[in-house]
Amino acid sequence: MAIERIPCIYILANRYNGALYVGVTSNLVGRILQHRDETFDGYTKKYGIKRLVYFEIADTMEAATAREKQLKRYKRDWKRNLIERENPAWNDLAVGLGLPPLTT
């Protein structure tokens, strides 16, 4: 059975109004698990960025990649406003996708 791929743009944070990371994936749940497990060295591992605070679904990976580049160009305040329009408390949206709540 083939796994359905859904292009997504996502924003992670380490806490309310904390450090942000913008990424793109075709497997949002799998990518969140990689961030939580600290699979890769880098910015998200260094700063403990694991909380899914925003995501968008795109029609294609090309559209998702273009949107990711667009979001990365915006200043922090613009990204914070984007998050707070949909998720004012900066809750971990991964819980709604079936992942357990973060413990730290």
N, C-alpha and C. Protein backbone atom coordinates (compact mmCIF):
# COMPACT_ATOMS: atom_id res chain seq x y z
N MET A 1 0.84 -1.18 0.00
CA MET A 1 0.00 0.00 0.00
C MET A 1 0.89 1.25 0.00
N ALA A 2 0.61 2.19 -0.86
CA ALA A 2 1.37 3.43 -0.95
C ALA A 2 0.94 4.40 0.14
N ILE A 3 1.90 5.11 0.68
CA ILE A 3 1.61 6.13 1.68
C ILE A 3 1.26 7.42 0.95
N GLU A 4 0.13 8.01 1.32
CA GLU A 4 -0.29 9.26 0.70
C GLU A 4 0.66 10.38 1.11
N ARG A 5 1.12 11.13 0.16
CA ARG A 5 2.00 12.27 0.40
C ARG A 5 1.20 13.55 0.29
N ILE A 6 1.30 14.39 1.30
CA ILE A 6 0.58 15.65 1.31
C ILE A 6 1.60 16.77 1.52
N PRO A 7 1.82 17.61 0.51
CA PRO A 7 2.78 18.71 0.65
C PRO A 7 2.32 19.71 1.71
N CYS A 8 3.21 20.02 2.65
CA CYS A 8 2.90 20.95 3.74
C CYS A 8 4.06 21.89 3.99
N ILE A 9 3.70 23.09 4.41
CA ILE A 9 4.64 24.06 4.94
C ILE A 9 4.34 24.13 6.43
N TYR A 10 5.35 24.16 7.26
CA TYR A 10 5.09 24.15 8.69
C TYR A 10 6.02 25.11 9.43
N ILE A 11 5.56 25.54 10.59
CA ILE A 11 6.38 26.36 11.48
C ILE A 11 6.42 25.68 12.83
N LEU A 12 7.64 25.49 13.34
CA LEU A 12 7.86 24.94 14.67
C LEU A 12 8.38 26.04 15.58
N ALA A 13 8.15 25.87 16.87
CA ALA A 13 8.69 26.79 17.88
C ALA A 13 9.16 25.97 19.07
N ASN A 14 10.04 26.56 19.87
CA ASN A 14 10.48 25.85 21.07
C ASN A 14 9.62 26.20 22.28
N ARG A 15 8.86 27.29 22.18
CA ARG A 15 7.95 27.70 23.26
C ARG A 15 7.13 28.86 22.73
N TYR A 16 6.19 29.33 23.54
CA TYR A 16 5.38 30.49 23.17
C TYR A 16 6.31 31.66 22.83
N ASN A 17 6.13 32.22 21.64
CA ASN A 17 6.90 33.36 21.16
C ASN A 17 8.41 33.09 21.19
N GLY A 18 8.80 31.84 21.04
CA GLY A 18 10.21 31.47 21.08
C GLY A 18 10.84 31.40 19.71
N ALA A 19 11.92 30.64 19.63
CA ALA A 19 12.64 30.45 18.37
C ALA A 19 11.74 29.74 17.37
N LEU A 20 11.84 30.14 16.10
CA LEU A 20 10.99 29.60 15.05
C LEU A 20 11.82 28.87 13.99
N TYR A 21 11.16 27.89 13.36
CA TYR A 21 11.75 27.18 12.22
C TYR A 21 10.66 26.98 11.19
N VAL A 22 10.95 27.33 9.95
CA VAL A 22 10.02 27.13 8.84
C VAL A 22 10.55 25.99 7.97
N GLY A 23 9.68 25.03 7.67
CA GLY A 23 10.10 23.90 6.85
C GLY A 23 9.02 23.46 5.88
N VAL A 24 9.38 22.49 5.04
CA VAL A 24 8.46 21.94 4.05
C VAL A 24 8.64 20.42 4.04
N THR A 25 7.56 19.69 3.82
CA THR A 25 7.61 18.24 3.81
C THR A 25 6.41 17.68 3.05
N SER A 26 6.52 16.42 2.68
CA SER A 26 5.36 15.74 2.11
C SER A 26 4.78 14.73 3.11
N ASN A 27 5.36 14.69 4.31
CA ASN A 27 4.90 13.79 5.37
C ASN A 27 5.02 14.52 6.70
N LEU A 28 4.02 15.31 7.03
CA LEU A 28 4.10 16.19 8.20
C LEU A 28 4.29 15.42 9.50
N VAL A 29 3.51 14.39 9.73
CA VAL A 29 3.64 13.63 10.98
C VAL A 29 5.04 13.02 11.08
N GLY A 30 5.51 12.42 10.01
CA GLY A 30 6.85 11.83 10.01
C GLY A 30 7.93 12.86 10.28
N ARG A 31 7.80 14.04 9.68
CA ARG A 31 8.81 15.08 9.88
C ARG A 31 8.78 15.60 11.31
N ILE A 32 7.59 15.76 11.89
CA ILE A 32 7.49 16.20 13.28
C ILE A 32 8.17 15.18 14.19
N LEU A 33 7.96 13.91 13.93
CA LEU A 33 8.61 12.86 14.73
C LEU A 33 10.13 12.96 14.61
N GLN A 34 10.63 13.26 13.42
CA GLN A 34 12.08 13.43 13.26
C GLN A 34 12.59 14.60 14.09
N HIS A 35 11.85 15.70 14.10
CA HIS A 35 12.26 16.85 14.92
C HIS A 35 12.22 16.48 16.40
N ARG A 36 11.18 15.80 16.82
CA ARG A 36 11.05 15.42 18.23
C ARG A 36 12.14 14.44 18.66
N ASP A 37 12.51 13.54 17.76
CA ASP A 37 13.56 12.56 18.06
C ASP A 37 14.96 13.13 17.87
N GLU A 38 15.05 14.38 17.40
CA GLU A 38 16.32 15.04 17.12
C GLU A 38 17.17 14.19 16.18
N THR A 39 16.53 13.71 15.12
CA THR A 39 17.17 12.85 14.13
C THR A 39 18.36 13.54 13.46
N PHE A 40 18.23 14.82 13.20
CA PHE A 40 19.27 15.55 12.48
C PHE A 40 19.88 16.63 13.36
N ASP A 41 21.18 16.81 13.23
CA ASP A 41 21.85 17.92 13.91
C ASP A 41 21.46 19.22 13.21
N GLY A 42 21.52 20.30 13.94
CA GLY A 42 21.24 21.59 13.33
C GLY A 42 20.46 22.50 14.25
N TYR A 43 19.86 23.50 13.65
CA TYR A 43 19.18 24.58 14.37
C TYR A 43 18.08 24.06 15.28
N THR A 44 17.21 23.19 14.77
CA THR A 44 16.08 22.73 15.58
C THR A 44 16.54 21.90 16.77
N LYS A 45 17.56 21.09 16.57
CA LYS A 45 18.09 20.28 17.67
C LYS A 45 18.78 21.18 18.70
N LYS A 46 19.59 22.10 18.22
CA LYS A 46 20.34 23.00 19.11
C LYS A 46 19.41 23.79 20.04
N TYR A 47 18.27 24.25 19.51
CA TYR A 47 17.37 25.11 20.29
C TYR A 47 16.11 24.39 20.78
N GLY A 48 16.04 23.08 20.60
CA GLY A 48 14.90 22.32 21.11
C GLY A 48 13.58 22.70 20.47
N ILE A 49 13.60 22.94 19.17
CA ILE A 49 12.41 23.39 18.45
C ILE A 49 11.63 22.17 17.99
N LYS A 50 10.49 21.91 18.67
CA LYS A 50 9.73 20.68 18.41
C LYS A 50 8.22 20.88 18.37
N ARG A 51 7.74 22.06 18.70
CA ARG A 51 6.30 22.32 18.82
C ARG A 51 5.75 22.81 17.49
N LEU A 52 4.81 22.07 16.90
CA LEU A 52 4.17 22.48 15.66
C LEU A 52 3.15 23.56 15.99
N VAL A 53 3.40 24.79 15.53
CA VAL A 53 2.50 25.90 15.86
C VAL A 53 1.70 26.40 14.66
N TYR A 54 2.09 25.96 13.45
CA TYR A 54 1.38 26.40 12.26
C TYR A 54 1.70 25.45 11.11
N PHE A 55 0.71 25.19 10.27
CA PHE A 55 1.01 24.48 9.02
C PHE A 55 -0.04 24.82 7.97
N GLU A 56 0.36 24.67 6.72
CA GLU A 56 -0.51 24.86 5.56
C GLU A 56 -0.33 23.65 4.67
N ILE A 57 -1.40 23.26 4.00
CA ILE A 57 -1.34 22.20 3.00
C ILE A 57 -1.28 22.87 1.63
N ALA A 58 -0.39 22.36 0.77
CA ALA A 58 -0.24 22.90 -0.58
C ALA A 58 -0.72 21.88 -1.61
N ASP A 59 -0.96 22.34 -2.81
CA ASP A 59 -1.40 21.45 -3.88
C ASP A 59 -0.28 20.56 -4.40
N THR A 60 0.94 21.11 -4.47
CA THR A 60 2.08 20.37 -4.98
C THR A 60 3.31 20.67 -4.13
N MET A 61 4.33 19.83 -4.25
CA MET A 61 5.58 20.11 -3.53
C MET A 61 6.23 21.39 -4.06
N GLU A 62 6.08 21.65 -5.35
CA GLU A 62 6.64 22.87 -5.91
C GLU A 62 5.99 24.10 -5.28
N ALA A 63 4.68 24.06 -5.12
CA ALA A 63 3.96 25.17 -4.47
C ALA A 63 4.37 25.28 -3.00
N ALA A 64 4.53 24.15 -2.34
CA ALA A 64 4.93 24.15 -0.93
C ALA A 64 6.32 24.75 -0.76
N THR A 65 7.23 24.37 -1.65
CA THR A 65 8.60 24.90 -1.59
C THR A 65 8.62 26.41 -1.85
N ALA A 66 7.83 26.86 -2.80
CA ALA A 66 7.75 28.30 -3.08
C ALA A 66 7.19 29.05 -1.87
N ARG A 67 6.17 28.50 -1.23
CA ARG A 67 5.58 29.14 -0.05
C ARG A 67 6.57 29.14 1.11
N GLU A 68 7.32 28.05 1.29
CA GLU A 68 8.34 28.01 2.34
C GLU A 68 9.36 29.13 2.14
N LYS A 69 9.83 29.30 0.93
CA LYS A 69 10.80 30.37 0.64
C LYS A 69 10.20 31.74 0.93
N GLN A 70 8.92 31.90 0.59
CA GLN A 70 8.24 33.16 0.86
C GLN A 70 8.19 33.42 2.36
N LEU A 71 7.77 32.42 3.15
CA LEU A 71 7.66 32.60 4.60
C LEU A 71 9.02 32.89 5.22
N LYS A 72 10.06 32.24 4.73
CA LYS A 72 11.40 32.46 5.29
C LYS A 72 11.89 33.88 5.05
N ARG A 73 11.40 34.53 4.00
CA ARG A 73 11.81 35.91 3.72
C ARG A 73 11.14 36.92 4.66
N TYR A 74 9.97 36.55 5.21
CA TYR A 74 9.25 37.48 6.07
C TYR A 74 9.95 37.64 7.41
N LYS A 75 9.78 38.80 7.99
CA LYS A 75 10.36 39.07 9.31
C LYS A 75 9.59 38.31 10.40
N ARG A 76 10.24 38.19 11.54
CA ARG A 76 9.69 37.43 12.66
C ARG A 76 8.29 37.91 13.07
N ASP A 77 8.08 39.22 13.14
CA ASP A 77 6.77 39.74 13.56
C ASP A 77 5.66 39.28 12.62
N TRP A 78 5.94 39.25 11.32
CA TRP A 78 4.95 38.79 10.36
C TRP A 78 4.61 37.32 10.61
N LYS A 79 5.64 36.49 10.86
CA LYS A 79 5.42 35.06 11.14
C LYS A 79 4.65 34.89 12.44
N ARG A 80 4.98 35.67 13.46
CA ARG A 80 4.26 35.59 14.73
C ARG A 80 2.78 35.91 14.54
N ASN A 81 2.50 36.94 13.75
CA ASN A 81 1.10 37.30 13.47
C ASN A 81 0.39 36.19 12.70
N LEU A 82 1.07 35.56 11.76
CA LEU A 82 0.50 34.45 11.01
C LEU A 82 0.12 33.31 11.96
N ILE A 83 1.02 32.96 12.85
CA ILE A 83 0.76 31.90 13.84
C ILE A 83 -0.43 32.28 14.72
N GLU A 84 -0.42 33.49 15.23
CA GLU A 84 -1.42 33.89 16.22
C GLU A 84 -2.82 34.08 15.62
N ARG A 85 -2.93 34.28 14.32
CA ARG A 85 -4.26 34.33 13.68
C ARG A 85 -4.96 32.99 13.79
N GLU A 86 -4.21 31.90 13.67
CA GLU A 86 -4.78 30.55 13.69
C GLU A 86 -4.59 29.85 15.03
N ASN A 87 -3.55 30.22 15.76
CA ASN A 87 -3.17 29.49 16.97
C ASN A 87 -2.65 30.49 18.02
N PRO A 88 -3.54 31.31 18.58
CA PRO A 88 -3.10 32.39 19.48
C PRO A 88 -2.35 31.93 20.72
N ALA A 89 -2.61 30.73 21.20
CA ALA A 89 -1.92 30.23 22.40
C ALA A 89 -0.65 29.45 22.06
N TRP A 90 -0.33 29.35 20.80
CA TRP A 90 0.84 28.59 20.33
C TRP A 90 0.78 27.14 20.82
N ASN A 91 -0.41 26.55 20.77
CA ASN A 91 -0.56 25.15 21.16
C ASN A 91 0.18 24.25 20.18
N ASP A 92 0.53 23.05 20.63
CA ASP A 92 1.19 22.08 19.77
C ASP A 92 0.14 21.41 18.88
N LEU A 93 0.08 21.80 17.63
CA LEU A 93 -0.92 21.29 16.69
C LEU A 93 -0.69 19.83 16.33
N ALA A 94 0.48 19.29 16.63
CA ALA A 94 0.77 17.89 16.34
C ALA A 94 -0.13 16.96 17.14
N VAL A 95 -0.62 17.41 18.28
CA VAL A 95 -1.54 16.60 19.09
C VAL A 95 -2.81 16.32 18.28
N GLY A 96 -3.29 17.30 17.56
CA GLY A 96 -4.46 17.13 16.72
C GLY A 96 -4.23 16.22 15.53
N LEU A 97 -2.95 15.96 15.22
CA LEU A 97 -2.60 15.04 14.14
C LEU A 97 -2.35 13.63 14.65
N GLY A 98 -2.58 13.43 15.96
CA GLY A 98 -2.45 12.09 16.54
C GLY A 98 -1.16 11.83 17.29
N LEU A 99 -0.28 12.82 17.39
CA LEU A 99 0.95 12.64 18.15
C LEU A 99 0.74 12.97 19.62
N PRO A 100 1.49 12.35 20.51
CA PRO A 100 1.32 12.64 21.94
C PRO A 100 1.83 14.05 22.26
N PRO A 101 1.32 14.63 23.33
CA PRO A 101 1.81 15.96 23.75
C PRO A 101 3.29 15.91 24.09
N LEU A 102 3.96 17.03 23.89
CA LEU A 102 5.36 17.14 24.29
C LEU A 102 5.47 17.08 25.80
N THR A 103 6.52 16.46 26.31
CA THR A 103 6.70 16.37 27.74
C THR A 103 7.61 17.44 28.28
N THR A 104 8.38 18.10 27.40
CA THR A 104 9.27 19.17 27.85
C THR A 104 9.01 20.43 27.09
